[in-house]
Structure formats: C-alpha cells, structure tokens
Amino acid sequence: RMRIDENGDLIIAQTLTASNLKNHALVENRSPTASTTSATFVTLESASAVTFSGRPILCFVNVTMFPDVANLRVELAVQIDAGSDAVAAQLNHNETEHNTVQGAVIVTPTAGSHTLRVRWRIASGSGTLSLDANDQILLHAIEL
C-alpha cells in the first residue's frame, strides 16, 4: 500500500524488493576551496575507489564556481584512474559571479576497482576560476 502523507512524502507500507542494482560512486563537497588558472585539465575532486563491472557509467557533474574576470570558458571532465578526460560540461562565464556548470557524460571503465575524478580547466580566456564556501562539487556516477 502506498499513500502520500501530510508533508507530501510517499509512504510505502509493504516490503519492497530491488533487483539488478547497479554500482555507483558519489563525490560531494559542499564547501570546497580551490582555484585554477590552468588551460589543461587538473583534478578538482576524487571519489574513493569503486568496483565496476565493465558496463558504461553515466556521470552527472555539477560544480558552482566563480571567475575573477568575465568571459572565461570552463570545461569540466570526468577521468577514470589516470586515463583520458571525458568532457561533461562547459560554460562561458559572462559575469564575475557564482555560476553552476553542469552536464553529463557516459564513460566505460574496464571491470575492476577504479577512481573517478572531477577535473576542470579554463578552455578559453585568461584569469582564475575559484570555489569557496558558497560553492559545491557533485559527481554522481551510475553504472548502466
């Protein structure tokens, strides 16, 4: 039986069975401190090692940040271990204020234990990208 309670929450009053659950990784930092001036990808945050089966992984990336000058274009990527960077998102910062850069990419690791990294770079323009206590980093990777 299911019902919606007075708070709008779904209440399920029976046993649920979940099958074919997939591996996933989560990186979450709600008060990061980081900055970069790099035109090449550098690691922003890493996940703990996770064992994957070799199936594709859907990676959602969401990072808030701010530039010190307008017209900086940032790219976010996901990296498996020390492999190549798979670009997941890009944004041209038109203002010097906090903006959210978000996107998704599908990557396919080999079966085994892997470390996922969120990486970033300045793709065009010259300046500094920064994160402070007003920003956050999120990577949610779900094996498909």
N, C-alpha and C. Protein backbone atom coordinates (compact mmCIF):
# COMPACT_ATOMS: atom_id res chain seq x y z
N ARG A 1 0.83 -1.18 0.00
CA ARG A 1 0.00 0.00 0.00
C ARG A 1 0.88 1.24 0.00
N MET A 2 0.45 2.23 -0.74
CA MET A 2 1.17 3.50 -0.82
C MET A 2 0.21 4.64 -0.54
N ARG A 3 0.76 5.70 0.07
CA ARG A 3 -0.04 6.89 0.29
C ARG A 3 0.90 8.09 0.42
N ILE A 4 0.34 9.26 0.26
CA ILE A 4 1.07 10.50 0.45
C ILE A 4 0.66 11.06 1.80
N ASP A 5 1.65 11.35 2.67
CA ASP A 5 1.30 11.88 3.99
C ASP A 5 1.10 13.39 3.94
N GLU A 6 0.83 13.99 5.09
CA GLU A 6 0.54 15.43 5.16
C GLU A 6 1.71 16.32 4.76
N ASN A 7 2.94 15.76 4.75
CA ASN A 7 4.13 16.52 4.33
C ASN A 7 4.45 16.33 2.86
N GLY A 8 3.63 15.53 2.17
CA GLY A 8 3.88 15.27 0.76
C GLY A 8 4.85 14.13 0.52
N ASP A 9 5.23 13.37 1.58
CA ASP A 9 6.14 12.24 1.43
C ASP A 9 5.38 11.00 1.03
N LEU A 10 6.01 10.18 0.19
CA LEU A 10 5.42 8.91 -0.21
C LEU A 10 5.68 7.89 0.89
N ILE A 11 4.63 7.26 1.40
CA ILE A 11 4.72 6.24 2.43
C ILE A 11 4.36 4.91 1.79
N ILE A 12 5.27 3.93 1.92
CA ILE A 12 5.03 2.60 1.37
C ILE A 12 4.96 1.63 2.54
N ALA A 13 3.81 0.99 2.72
CA ALA A 13 3.59 0.11 3.87
C ALA A 13 3.60 -1.35 3.43
N GLN A 14 4.68 -1.75 2.79
CA GLN A 14 4.84 -3.15 2.39
C GLN A 14 6.30 -3.39 2.10
N THR A 15 6.69 -4.63 1.93
CA THR A 15 8.07 -4.97 1.63
C THR A 15 8.36 -4.71 0.17
N LEU A 16 9.49 -4.07 -0.09
CA LEU A 16 9.92 -3.81 -1.46
C LEU A 16 11.11 -4.70 -1.79
N THR A 17 11.18 -5.17 -3.01
CA THR A 17 12.32 -5.96 -3.46
C THR A 17 12.97 -5.20 -4.61
N ALA A 18 14.27 -5.01 -4.52
CA ALA A 18 15.02 -4.34 -5.58
C ALA A 18 15.98 -5.35 -6.19
N SER A 19 15.95 -5.47 -7.49
CA SER A 19 16.85 -6.40 -8.16
C SER A 19 17.68 -5.65 -9.20
N ASN A 20 18.77 -6.26 -9.57
CA ASN A 20 19.64 -5.72 -10.61
C ASN A 20 20.15 -4.32 -10.27
N LEU A 21 20.47 -4.10 -8.98
CA LEU A 21 21.02 -2.81 -8.58
C LEU A 21 22.40 -2.63 -9.17
N LYS A 22 22.73 -1.42 -9.52
CA LYS A 22 23.99 -1.12 -10.18
C LYS A 22 24.96 -0.46 -9.20
N ASN A 23 26.25 -0.54 -9.54
CA ASN A 23 27.27 0.13 -8.76
C ASN A 23 27.18 1.64 -9.01
N HIS A 24 27.56 2.41 -8.02
CA HIS A 24 27.59 3.86 -8.23
C HIS A 24 28.67 4.48 -7.36
N ALA A 25 29.05 5.68 -7.73
CA ALA A 25 30.03 6.45 -6.96
C ALA A 25 29.47 7.84 -6.76
N LEU A 26 29.79 8.43 -5.63
CA LEU A 26 29.31 9.77 -5.32
C LEU A 26 30.45 10.59 -4.76
N VAL A 27 30.64 11.78 -5.32
CA VAL A 27 31.58 12.76 -4.79
C VAL A 27 30.75 13.98 -4.44
N GLU A 28 30.85 14.43 -3.21
CA GLU A 28 30.09 15.61 -2.80
C GLU A 28 30.93 16.43 -1.83
N ASN A 29 31.13 17.68 -2.16
CA ASN A 29 31.86 18.61 -1.30
C ASN A 29 31.06 19.90 -1.29
N ARG A 30 30.46 20.22 -0.14
CA ARG A 30 29.57 21.38 -0.05
C ARG A 30 30.26 22.67 0.36
N SER A 31 31.54 22.63 0.65
CA SER A 31 32.25 23.87 0.96
C SER A 31 33.71 23.74 0.52
N PRO A 32 33.90 23.60 -0.79
CA PRO A 32 35.26 23.41 -1.30
C PRO A 32 36.05 24.71 -1.32
N THR A 33 37.34 24.58 -1.34
CA THR A 33 38.23 25.72 -1.55
C THR A 33 39.23 25.29 -2.61
N ALA A 34 39.16 25.92 -3.77
CA ALA A 34 40.06 25.55 -4.87
C ALA A 34 40.12 26.70 -5.86
N SER A 35 41.19 26.72 -6.63
CA SER A 35 41.28 27.68 -7.73
C SER A 35 42.22 27.11 -8.79
N THR A 36 42.04 27.61 -10.01
CA THR A 36 42.91 27.18 -11.10
C THR A 36 43.06 28.31 -12.12
N THR A 37 44.22 28.33 -12.74
CA THR A 37 44.48 29.18 -13.90
C THR A 37 44.89 28.31 -15.08
N SER A 38 44.78 27.01 -14.92
CA SER A 38 45.30 26.04 -15.88
C SER A 38 44.45 25.94 -17.15
N ALA A 39 45.12 25.85 -18.28
CA ALA A 39 44.46 25.61 -19.56
C ALA A 39 44.41 24.10 -19.86
N THR A 40 45.06 23.29 -19.02
CA THR A 40 44.97 21.84 -19.15
C THR A 40 44.19 21.31 -17.95
N PHE A 41 43.58 20.16 -18.10
CA PHE A 41 42.75 19.61 -17.02
C PHE A 41 43.58 19.30 -15.78
N VAL A 42 43.04 19.71 -14.63
CA VAL A 42 43.63 19.40 -13.33
C VAL A 42 42.51 18.84 -12.44
N THR A 43 42.89 17.99 -11.50
CA THR A 43 41.90 17.35 -10.64
C THR A 43 41.33 18.33 -9.64
N LEU A 44 40.01 18.35 -9.57
CA LEU A 44 39.28 19.19 -8.63
C LEU A 44 38.88 18.37 -7.41
N GLU A 45 38.38 17.15 -7.64
CA GLU A 45 37.92 16.29 -6.54
C GLU A 45 37.97 14.84 -7.02
N SER A 46 38.24 13.91 -6.10
CA SER A 46 38.30 12.48 -6.43
C SER A 46 37.33 11.69 -5.58
N ALA A 47 36.82 10.61 -6.15
CA ALA A 47 35.98 9.66 -5.41
C ALA A 47 36.87 8.58 -4.82
N SER A 48 36.37 7.90 -3.81
CA SER A 48 37.04 6.70 -3.32
C SER A 48 36.95 5.64 -4.41
N ALA A 49 37.87 4.69 -4.39
CA ALA A 49 37.86 3.63 -5.39
C ALA A 49 36.55 2.84 -5.30
N VAL A 50 35.97 2.56 -6.47
CA VAL A 50 34.72 1.81 -6.57
C VAL A 50 34.94 0.68 -7.56
N THR A 51 34.36 -0.48 -7.28
CA THR A 51 34.47 -1.61 -8.19
C THR A 51 33.29 -1.58 -9.17
N PHE A 52 33.64 -1.55 -10.46
CA PHE A 52 32.64 -1.55 -11.52
C PHE A 52 32.74 -2.85 -12.31
N SER A 53 31.66 -3.19 -13.01
CA SER A 53 31.60 -4.47 -13.73
C SER A 53 32.09 -4.39 -15.16
N GLY A 54 32.41 -3.20 -15.65
CA GLY A 54 32.83 -3.04 -17.04
C GLY A 54 31.73 -2.51 -17.93
N ARG A 55 30.57 -2.22 -17.34
CA ARG A 55 29.46 -1.64 -18.09
C ARG A 55 29.62 -0.12 -18.15
N PRO A 56 28.93 0.55 -19.09
CA PRO A 56 29.01 2.02 -19.16
C PRO A 56 28.52 2.68 -17.86
N ILE A 57 29.08 3.84 -17.57
CA ILE A 57 28.73 4.61 -16.37
C ILE A 57 28.23 5.99 -16.82
N LEU A 58 27.05 6.36 -16.36
CA LEU A 58 26.50 7.69 -16.61
C LEU A 58 26.96 8.59 -15.48
N CYS A 59 27.72 9.64 -15.81
CA CYS A 59 28.29 10.54 -14.80
C CYS A 59 27.63 11.91 -14.90
N PHE A 60 26.96 12.31 -13.81
CA PHE A 60 26.39 13.64 -13.70
C PHE A 60 27.36 14.51 -12.92
N VAL A 61 27.69 15.68 -13.46
CA VAL A 61 28.63 16.60 -12.81
C VAL A 61 27.93 17.93 -12.60
N ASN A 62 28.11 18.50 -11.41
CA ASN A 62 27.53 19.80 -11.07
C ASN A 62 28.51 20.52 -10.15
N VAL A 63 29.04 21.65 -10.61
CA VAL A 63 30.01 22.42 -9.82
C VAL A 63 29.65 23.89 -9.91
N THR A 64 29.56 24.55 -8.76
CA THR A 64 29.41 26.01 -8.77
C THR A 64 30.78 26.62 -8.55
N MET A 65 31.02 27.75 -9.21
CA MET A 65 32.33 28.41 -9.17
C MET A 65 32.18 29.85 -9.61
N PHE A 66 33.27 30.60 -9.48
CA PHE A 66 33.24 31.99 -9.96
C PHE A 66 34.60 32.36 -10.55
N PRO A 67 34.58 33.18 -11.62
CA PRO A 67 35.82 33.67 -12.22
C PRO A 67 36.18 35.04 -11.66
N ASP A 68 37.45 35.41 -11.79
CA ASP A 68 37.85 36.76 -11.36
C ASP A 68 37.69 37.79 -12.48
N VAL A 69 37.47 37.32 -13.71
CA VAL A 69 37.20 38.21 -14.85
C VAL A 69 36.08 37.58 -15.68
N ALA A 70 35.38 38.40 -16.43
CA ALA A 70 34.32 37.89 -17.31
C ALA A 70 34.93 37.22 -18.54
N ASN A 71 34.12 36.45 -19.22
CA ASN A 71 34.47 35.79 -20.47
C ASN A 71 35.53 34.70 -20.34
N LEU A 72 35.46 33.96 -19.24
CA LEU A 72 36.26 32.75 -19.10
C LEU A 72 35.35 31.57 -19.42
N ARG A 73 35.84 30.66 -20.26
CA ARG A 73 35.08 29.45 -20.54
C ARG A 73 35.72 28.30 -19.79
N VAL A 74 34.92 27.62 -18.98
CA VAL A 74 35.40 26.49 -18.19
C VAL A 74 34.87 25.19 -18.78
N GLU A 75 35.66 24.14 -18.68
CA GLU A 75 35.22 22.80 -19.02
C GLU A 75 35.42 21.90 -17.81
N LEU A 76 34.42 21.05 -17.57
CA LEU A 76 34.51 20.01 -16.53
C LEU A 76 34.61 18.67 -17.22
N ALA A 77 35.39 17.78 -16.67
CA ALA A 77 35.55 16.45 -17.25
C ALA A 77 35.55 15.40 -16.15
N VAL A 78 35.29 14.17 -16.56
CA VAL A 78 35.40 13.02 -15.67
C VAL A 78 36.57 12.19 -16.17
N GLN A 79 37.40 11.77 -15.24
CA GLN A 79 38.56 10.94 -15.56
C GLN A 79 38.47 9.65 -14.76
N ILE A 80 38.75 8.53 -15.41
CA ILE A 80 38.84 7.24 -14.74
C ILE A 80 40.31 6.94 -14.52
N ASP A 81 40.70 6.72 -13.25
CA ASP A 81 42.09 6.47 -12.89
C ASP A 81 42.96 7.59 -13.49
N ALA A 82 43.95 7.25 -14.28
CA ALA A 82 44.80 8.28 -14.90
C ALA A 82 44.55 8.35 -16.40
N GLY A 83 43.36 7.94 -16.83
CA GLY A 83 43.03 7.89 -18.25
C GLY A 83 42.71 9.25 -18.84
N SER A 84 42.12 9.22 -20.02
CA SER A 84 41.79 10.47 -20.71
C SER A 84 40.61 11.16 -20.05
N ASP A 85 40.48 12.45 -20.30
CA ASP A 85 39.41 13.27 -19.74
C ASP A 85 38.21 13.26 -20.67
N ALA A 86 37.03 12.89 -20.15
CA ALA A 86 35.79 12.91 -20.92
C ALA A 86 35.02 14.16 -20.53
N VAL A 87 34.92 15.13 -21.44
CA VAL A 87 34.27 16.40 -21.13
C VAL A 87 32.79 16.17 -20.88
N ALA A 88 32.32 16.67 -19.73
CA ALA A 88 30.93 16.50 -19.33
C ALA A 88 30.15 17.81 -19.39
N ALA A 89 30.84 18.95 -19.29
CA ALA A 89 30.12 20.23 -19.24
C ALA A 89 31.08 21.36 -19.60
N GLN A 90 30.48 22.44 -20.09
CA GLN A 90 31.25 23.66 -20.33
C GLN A 90 30.33 24.86 -20.22
N LEU A 91 30.91 25.98 -19.82
CA LEU A 91 30.14 27.20 -19.65
C LEU A 91 31.04 28.39 -19.87
N ASN A 92 30.53 29.38 -20.58
CA ASN A 92 31.24 30.64 -20.71
C ASN A 92 30.74 31.58 -19.62
N HIS A 93 31.60 31.93 -18.69
CA HIS A 93 31.23 32.84 -17.60
C HIS A 93 31.23 34.27 -18.14
N ASN A 94 30.05 34.88 -18.22
CA ASN A 94 29.93 36.25 -18.72
C ASN A 94 30.03 37.28 -17.62
N GLU A 95 29.92 36.85 -16.39
CA GLU A 95 29.96 37.75 -15.24
C GLU A 95 30.93 37.19 -14.21
N THR A 96 31.37 38.05 -13.30
CA THR A 96 32.25 37.61 -12.22
C THR A 96 31.40 37.29 -10.99
N GLU A 97 30.56 36.28 -11.13
CA GLU A 97 29.70 35.85 -10.03
C GLU A 97 29.63 34.32 -10.03
N HIS A 98 29.10 33.76 -8.97
CA HIS A 98 28.98 32.31 -8.85
C HIS A 98 27.99 31.78 -9.89
N ASN A 99 28.41 30.78 -10.64
CA ASN A 99 27.58 30.12 -11.64
C ASN A 99 27.68 28.62 -11.48
N THR A 100 26.65 27.92 -11.90
CA THR A 100 26.65 26.46 -11.88
C THR A 100 27.02 25.94 -13.25
N VAL A 101 27.97 25.04 -13.28
CA VAL A 101 28.36 24.35 -14.50
C VAL A 101 27.92 22.91 -14.31
N GLN A 102 27.06 22.42 -15.20
CA GLN A 102 26.53 21.06 -15.03
C GLN A 102 26.41 20.36 -16.37
N GLY A 103 26.50 19.05 -16.30
CA GLY A 103 26.37 18.26 -17.51
C GLY A 103 26.51 16.78 -17.19
N ALA A 104 26.61 15.98 -18.23
CA ALA A 104 26.71 14.54 -18.06
C ALA A 104 27.54 13.96 -19.20
N VAL A 105 28.14 12.81 -18.90
CA VAL A 105 28.92 12.10 -19.90
C VAL A 105 28.86 10.61 -19.56
N ILE A 106 28.95 9.76 -20.58
CA ILE A 106 29.00 8.32 -20.37
C ILE A 106 30.43 7.85 -20.64
N VAL A 107 30.98 7.14 -19.67
CA VAL A 107 32.32 6.56 -19.80
C VAL A 107 32.20 5.06 -19.53
N THR A 108 33.15 4.29 -20.03
CA THR A 108 33.11 2.84 -19.84
C THR A 108 34.44 2.34 -19.31
N PRO A 109 34.51 2.07 -18.01
CA PRO A 109 35.75 1.53 -17.45
C PRO A 109 35.82 0.01 -17.66
N THR A 110 36.99 -0.55 -17.51
CA THR A 110 37.12 -1.99 -17.51
C THR A 110 36.57 -2.52 -16.19
N ALA A 111 36.29 -3.80 -16.12
CA ALA A 111 35.84 -4.39 -14.86
C ALA A 111 36.96 -4.27 -13.83
N GLY A 112 36.59 -3.91 -12.60
CA GLY A 112 37.57 -3.80 -11.53
C GLY A 112 37.40 -2.52 -10.74
N SER A 113 38.37 -2.24 -9.88
CA SER A 113 38.34 -1.08 -9.00
C SER A 113 38.91 0.14 -9.70
N HIS A 114 38.17 1.25 -9.64
CA HIS A 114 38.59 2.47 -10.32
C HIS A 114 38.31 3.70 -9.46
N THR A 115 39.10 4.73 -9.67
CA THR A 115 38.89 6.02 -9.03
C THR A 115 38.39 7.01 -10.07
N LEU A 116 37.27 7.66 -9.79
CA LEU A 116 36.72 8.69 -10.68
C LEU A 116 37.14 10.05 -10.15
N ARG A 117 37.46 10.94 -11.06
CA ARG A 117 37.87 12.30 -10.70
C ARG A 117 37.06 13.32 -11.47
N VAL A 118 36.72 14.42 -10.80
CA VAL A 118 36.16 15.60 -11.47
C VAL A 118 37.36 16.49 -11.77
N ARG A 119 37.49 16.88 -13.03
CA ARG A 119 38.63 17.72 -13.43
C ARG A 119 38.10 18.97 -14.11
N TRP A 120 38.91 20.03 -14.08
CA TRP A 120 38.48 21.29 -14.67
C TRP A 120 39.64 21.99 -15.33
N ARG A 121 39.29 22.93 -16.23
CA ARG A 121 40.30 23.76 -16.89
C ARG A 121 39.64 25.01 -17.45
N ILE A 122 40.45 26.00 -17.71
CA ILE A 122 39.99 27.19 -18.44
C ILE A 122 40.21 26.88 -19.91
N ALA A 123 39.11 26.76 -20.65
CA ALA A 123 39.19 26.39 -22.06
C ALA A 123 39.47 27.58 -22.96
N SER A 124 39.04 28.78 -22.54
CA SER A 124 39.40 29.99 -23.27
C SER A 124 39.31 31.18 -22.33
N GLY A 125 40.12 32.18 -22.61
CA GLY A 125 40.20 33.35 -21.75
C GLY A 125 41.40 33.22 -20.82
N SER A 126 41.62 34.28 -20.04
CA SER A 126 42.74 34.30 -19.12
C SER A 126 42.27 34.87 -17.79
N GLY A 127 42.47 34.12 -16.72
CA GLY A 127 42.05 34.56 -15.40
C GLY A 127 42.10 33.39 -14.44
N THR A 128 41.37 33.52 -13.34
CA THR A 128 41.36 32.50 -12.30
C THR A 128 39.93 32.07 -12.03
N LEU A 129 39.70 30.76 -11.99
CA LEU A 129 38.43 30.19 -11.55
C LEU A 129 38.60 29.76 -10.11
N SER A 130 37.59 30.04 -9.28
CA SER A 130 37.70 29.71 -7.86
C SER A 130 36.42 29.10 -7.34
N LEU A 131 36.56 28.35 -6.24
CA LEU A 131 35.45 27.81 -5.46
C LEU A 131 35.69 28.20 -4.02
N ASP A 132 34.61 28.56 -3.32
CA ASP A 132 34.73 28.87 -1.90
C ASP A 132 33.56 28.24 -1.15
N ALA A 133 33.35 28.64 0.08
CA ALA A 133 32.30 28.04 0.92
C ALA A 133 30.89 28.24 0.37
N ASN A 134 30.73 29.11 -0.64
CA ASN A 134 29.42 29.32 -1.27
C ASN A 134 29.17 28.35 -2.42
N ASP A 135 30.15 27.50 -2.72
CA ASP A 135 30.08 26.63 -3.89
C ASP A 135 29.98 25.17 -3.48
N GLN A 136 29.82 24.31 -4.47
CA GLN A 136 29.77 22.87 -4.20
C GLN A 136 30.28 22.10 -5.41
N ILE A 137 30.70 20.86 -5.14
CA ILE A 137 31.14 19.93 -6.18
C ILE A 137 30.30 18.67 -6.03
N LEU A 138 29.73 18.20 -7.13
CA LEU A 138 28.94 16.98 -7.09
C LEU A 138 29.24 16.15 -8.33
N LEU A 139 29.55 14.89 -8.11
CA LEU A 139 29.67 13.90 -9.19
C LEU A 139 28.89 12.68 -8.75
N HIS A 140 27.91 12.28 -9.54
CA HIS A 140 27.16 11.06 -9.26
C HIS A 140 27.31 10.18 -10.48
N ALA A 141 27.94 9.04 -10.29
CA ALA A 141 28.20 8.10 -11.38
C ALA A 141 27.40 6.83 -11.15
N ILE A 142 26.60 6.44 -12.13
CA ILE A 142 25.72 5.28 -12.01
C ILE A 142 26.02 4.31 -13.14
N GLU A 143 26.31 3.07 -12.77
CA GLU A 143 26.56 2.06 -13.80
C GLU A 143 25.24 1.71 -14.48
N LEU A 144 25.25 1.71 -15.81
CA LEU A 144 24.03 1.44 -16.57
C LEU A 144 23.82 -0.04 -16.79
